Structures are given as structure tokens and as C-alpha cells.
Amino acid sequence: MKARIKITLKNGVLDPQGKAIAHALDALGFDGVGDVRQGKYIEVELDETDPAAAEDTVKRMCEQLLANTVIENYAYELEGS
């Protein structure tokens, strides 16, 4: 089973990398680009076959390591469940 995890900064958290990307896009001539927010995308291959157990495992991975839940949100989907 594969987990696809998307991690983004919570609203209101400053995003200096997003600002740098927005500035670079402007410098390259991409007009009309508004606010840019940067995040992380992670794929994890799990040996687990039980969807409920896989969901529990992914939640624990996100809470304990992959996401800083003070400033980041996470969402995931499981493929092969």
C-alpha cells in the first residue's frame, strides 16, 4: 500500500521560501502570480494490507516525524486499500 502525504504551512505562518519563489517567478517574467506557499510531498510504501492499520501508521508518522504540527497541516491518501 502506498501513502501520498502532502504537508503545508498553516495559514498565518510566514513562508520565506514561498516569498523567494514568488520573487524569482516575477524576475523571470511570470506576471500575475499572487501569493506562493511552499510545502512538501512524500510517498511512503507500506507493507501493511489493512487500510485501518495503514491509516493509523501514516497518522503516527506524520504526527511524530514528517510534519511539525505546530506550524504545518498534513493530508494523505492511501492507494491500494
N, C-alpha and C. Protein backbone atom coordinates (compact mmCIF):
# COMPACT_ATOMS: atom_id res chain seq x y z
N MET A 1 0.85 -1.17 0.00
CA MET A 1 0.00 0.00 0.00
C MET A 1 0.89 1.23 0.00
N LYS A 2 0.48 2.24 -0.75
CA LYS A 2 1.27 3.46 -0.84
C LYS A 2 0.51 4.61 -0.20
N ALA A 3 1.22 5.41 0.60
CA ALA A 3 0.66 6.62 1.19
C ALA A 3 1.26 7.82 0.48
N ARG A 4 0.38 8.73 0.07
CA ARG A 4 0.81 10.01 -0.53
C ARG A 4 0.47 11.09 0.48
N ILE A 5 1.51 11.78 0.97
CA ILE A 5 1.35 12.73 2.06
C ILE A 5 1.71 14.13 1.57
N LYS A 6 0.83 15.08 1.83
CA LYS A 6 1.06 16.48 1.46
C LYS A 6 1.11 17.29 2.76
N ILE A 7 2.19 18.04 2.93
CA ILE A 7 2.40 18.84 4.13
C ILE A 7 2.51 20.30 3.73
N THR A 8 1.70 21.15 4.35
CA THR A 8 1.71 22.57 4.03
C THR A 8 1.74 23.39 5.32
N LEU A 9 2.25 24.61 5.20
CA LEU A 9 2.25 25.51 6.34
C LEU A 9 0.82 25.94 6.65
N LYS A 10 0.53 26.11 7.93
CA LYS A 10 -0.78 26.60 8.33
C LYS A 10 -0.93 28.05 7.90
N ASN A 11 -2.19 28.46 7.69
CA ASN A 11 -2.46 29.85 7.36
C ASN A 11 -1.93 30.75 8.47
N GLY A 12 -1.33 31.86 8.08
CA GLY A 12 -0.79 32.80 9.06
C GLY A 12 0.67 32.57 9.40
N VAL A 13 1.22 31.41 9.02
CA VAL A 13 2.64 31.13 9.26
C VAL A 13 3.44 31.72 8.11
N LEU A 14 4.46 32.50 8.43
CA LEU A 14 5.30 33.10 7.39
C LEU A 14 5.98 32.02 6.57
N ASP A 15 6.09 32.26 5.27
CA ASP A 15 6.68 31.31 4.34
C ASP A 15 7.77 31.99 3.52
N PRO A 16 8.99 32.12 4.08
CA PRO A 16 10.05 32.80 3.34
C PRO A 16 10.43 32.11 2.03
N GLN A 17 10.34 30.78 1.98
CA GLN A 17 10.64 30.08 0.72
C GLN A 17 9.59 30.41 -0.33
N GLY A 18 8.34 30.48 0.07
CA GLY A 18 7.28 30.86 -0.86
C GLY A 18 7.50 32.26 -1.39
N LYS A 19 7.90 33.18 -0.51
CA LYS A 19 8.19 34.56 -0.95
C LYS A 19 9.34 34.58 -1.94
N ALA A 20 10.39 33.79 -1.69
CA ALA A 20 11.54 33.73 -2.60
C ALA A 20 11.12 33.17 -3.96
N ILE A 21 10.26 32.16 -3.95
CA ILE A 21 9.78 31.58 -5.20
C ILE A 21 8.96 32.62 -5.97
N ALA A 22 8.08 33.33 -5.27
CA ALA A 22 7.26 34.36 -5.91
C ALA A 22 8.13 35.44 -6.53
N HIS A 23 9.18 35.86 -5.80
CA HIS A 23 10.09 36.88 -6.31
C HIS A 23 10.82 36.37 -7.55
N ALA A 24 11.29 35.11 -7.52
CA ALA A 24 12.01 34.55 -8.66
C ALA A 24 11.09 34.43 -9.89
N LEU A 25 9.84 34.03 -9.66
CA LEU A 25 8.89 33.94 -10.78
C LEU A 25 8.66 35.31 -11.40
N ASP A 26 8.54 36.32 -10.56
CA ASP A 26 8.37 37.69 -11.06
C ASP A 26 9.60 38.11 -11.88
N ALA A 27 10.80 37.80 -11.36
CA ALA A 27 12.04 38.16 -12.05
C ALA A 27 12.16 37.44 -13.40
N LEU A 28 11.54 36.28 -13.51
CA LEU A 28 11.58 35.52 -14.77
C LEU A 28 10.48 35.96 -15.74
N GLY A 29 9.69 36.93 -15.32
CA GLY A 29 8.68 37.47 -16.22
C GLY A 29 7.31 36.83 -16.10
N PHE A 30 7.08 36.04 -15.08
CA PHE A 30 5.75 35.45 -14.89
C PHE A 30 4.88 36.44 -14.14
N ASP A 31 4.13 37.22 -14.90
CA ASP A 31 3.25 38.23 -14.32
C ASP A 31 1.97 37.58 -13.80
N GLY A 32 1.35 38.25 -12.85
CA GLY A 32 0.07 37.79 -12.36
C GLY A 32 0.15 36.68 -11.34
N VAL A 33 1.32 36.40 -10.82
CA VAL A 33 1.45 35.38 -9.77
C VAL A 33 1.23 36.06 -8.43
N GLY A 34 0.28 35.56 -7.67
CA GLY A 34 -0.01 36.11 -6.36
C GLY A 34 0.86 35.47 -5.29
N ASP A 35 0.25 35.20 -4.18
CA ASP A 35 0.95 34.59 -3.05
C ASP A 35 1.38 33.17 -3.43
N VAL A 36 2.59 32.79 -3.04
CA VAL A 36 3.10 31.44 -3.27
C VAL A 36 3.37 30.81 -1.91
N ARG A 37 2.85 29.61 -1.72
CA ARG A 37 3.11 28.84 -0.50
C ARG A 37 3.85 27.57 -0.90
N GLN A 38 4.85 27.22 -0.18
CA GLN A 38 5.69 26.07 -0.47
C GLN A 38 5.38 24.97 0.54
N GLY A 39 5.42 23.71 0.10
CA GLY A 39 5.16 22.61 1.01
C GLY A 39 6.02 21.40 0.67
N LYS A 40 5.62 20.25 1.22
CA LYS A 40 6.36 19.01 0.99
C LYS A 40 5.38 17.94 0.51
N TYR A 41 5.88 17.06 -0.33
CA TYR A 41 5.13 15.90 -0.81
C TYR A 41 5.98 14.67 -0.56
N ILE A 42 5.41 13.68 0.11
CA ILE A 42 6.16 12.48 0.48
C ILE A 42 5.35 11.25 0.10
N GLU A 43 5.98 10.28 -0.53
CA GLU A 43 5.36 8.99 -0.79
C GLU A 43 6.03 7.94 0.07
N VAL A 44 5.22 7.12 0.72
CA VAL A 44 5.73 6.06 1.59
C VAL A 44 5.08 4.75 1.17
N GLU A 45 5.90 3.76 0.87
CA GLU A 45 5.39 2.43 0.54
C GLU A 45 5.29 1.63 1.83
N LEU A 46 4.10 1.12 2.12
CA LEU A 46 3.86 0.36 3.35
C LEU A 46 3.61 -1.11 3.02
N ASP A 47 4.10 -1.99 3.89
CA ASP A 47 3.82 -3.41 3.74
C ASP A 47 2.42 -3.76 4.23
N GLU A 48 1.83 -2.85 4.97
CA GLU A 48 0.51 -3.07 5.58
C GLU A 48 -0.56 -3.31 4.52
N THR A 49 -1.45 -4.27 4.76
CA THR A 49 -2.54 -4.54 3.84
C THR A 49 -3.90 -4.12 4.40
N ASP A 50 -3.97 -3.92 5.71
CA ASP A 50 -5.22 -3.49 6.34
C ASP A 50 -5.32 -1.96 6.27
N PRO A 51 -6.35 -1.43 5.60
CA PRO A 51 -6.47 0.02 5.44
C PRO A 51 -6.50 0.79 6.76
N ALA A 52 -7.20 0.27 7.76
CA ALA A 52 -7.29 0.97 9.05
C ALA A 52 -5.92 1.03 9.73
N ALA A 53 -5.19 -0.06 9.68
CA ALA A 53 -3.85 -0.09 10.29
C ALA A 53 -2.90 0.82 9.52
N ALA A 54 -3.01 0.83 8.19
CA ALA A 54 -2.16 1.71 7.38
C ALA A 54 -2.46 3.16 7.70
N GLU A 55 -3.73 3.51 7.83
CA GLU A 55 -4.10 4.88 8.16
C GLU A 55 -3.54 5.28 9.51
N ASP A 56 -3.64 4.39 10.48
CA ASP A 56 -3.07 4.67 11.81
C ASP A 56 -1.56 4.88 11.73
N THR A 57 -0.88 4.05 10.96
CA THR A 57 0.57 4.16 10.81
C THR A 57 0.96 5.49 10.17
N VAL A 58 0.26 5.88 9.12
CA VAL A 58 0.58 7.13 8.43
C VAL A 58 0.33 8.32 9.36
N LYS A 59 -0.78 8.31 10.09
CA LYS A 59 -1.06 9.40 11.03
C LYS A 59 0.06 9.53 12.06
N ARG A 60 0.50 8.39 12.60
CA ARG A 60 1.59 8.42 13.58
C ARG A 60 2.89 8.93 12.97
N MET A 61 3.19 8.52 11.73
CA MET A 61 4.39 9.01 11.04
C MET A 61 4.35 10.54 10.91
N CYS A 62 3.20 11.04 10.49
CA CYS A 62 3.06 12.48 10.31
C CYS A 62 3.18 13.22 11.64
N GLU A 63 2.50 12.73 12.66
CA GLU A 63 2.50 13.39 13.96
C GLU A 63 3.87 13.35 14.64
N GLN A 64 4.60 12.25 14.46
CA GLN A 64 5.86 12.08 15.18
C GLN A 64 7.10 12.56 14.43
N LEU A 65 7.03 12.61 13.09
CA LEU A 65 8.25 12.94 12.34
C LEU A 65 8.03 13.84 11.13
N LEU A 66 7.11 13.49 10.28
CA LEU A 66 7.04 14.13 8.97
C LEU A 66 6.53 15.56 8.99
N ALA A 67 5.60 15.87 9.89
CA ALA A 67 5.03 17.22 9.95
C ALA A 67 5.28 17.84 11.32
N ASN A 68 5.57 19.11 11.31
CA ASN A 68 5.64 19.88 12.56
C ASN A 68 4.23 20.43 12.77
N THR A 69 3.43 19.73 13.56
CA THR A 69 2.01 20.05 13.66
C THR A 69 1.72 21.37 14.35
N VAL A 70 2.73 22.01 14.90
CA VAL A 70 2.54 23.35 15.46
C VAL A 70 2.33 24.36 14.33
N ILE A 71 3.08 24.19 13.23
CA ILE A 71 3.02 25.16 12.14
C ILE A 71 2.58 24.56 10.80
N GLU A 72 2.41 23.23 10.75
CA GLU A 72 2.09 22.59 9.48
C GLU A 72 0.82 21.74 9.58
N ASN A 73 0.10 21.69 8.47
CA ASN A 73 -1.02 20.77 8.30
C ASN A 73 -0.55 19.63 7.42
N TYR A 74 -1.21 18.49 7.53
CA TYR A 74 -0.91 17.39 6.62
C TYR A 74 -2.21 16.73 6.17
N ALA A 75 -2.14 16.18 4.98
CA ALA A 75 -3.24 15.41 4.42
C ALA A 75 -2.61 14.23 3.69
N TYR A 76 -3.33 13.15 3.61
CA TYR A 76 -2.78 11.96 2.93
C TYR A 76 -3.89 11.18 2.25
N GLU A 77 -3.46 10.36 1.32
CA GLU A 77 -4.37 9.39 0.71
C GLU A 77 -3.63 8.07 0.61
N LEU A 78 -4.37 7.01 0.73
CA LEU A 78 -3.81 5.67 0.63
C LEU A 78 -4.22 5.05 -0.70
N GLU A 79 -3.25 4.47 -1.38
CA GLU A 79 -3.50 3.80 -2.64
C GLU A 79 -3.32 2.31 -2.42
N GLY A 80 -4.25 1.53 -2.95
CA GLY A 80 -4.13 0.08 -2.80
C GLY A 80 -4.91 -0.44 -1.61
N SER A 81 -5.78 0.41 -1.05
CA SER A 81 -6.56 -0.05 0.11
C SER A 81 -7.87 -0.66 -0.32
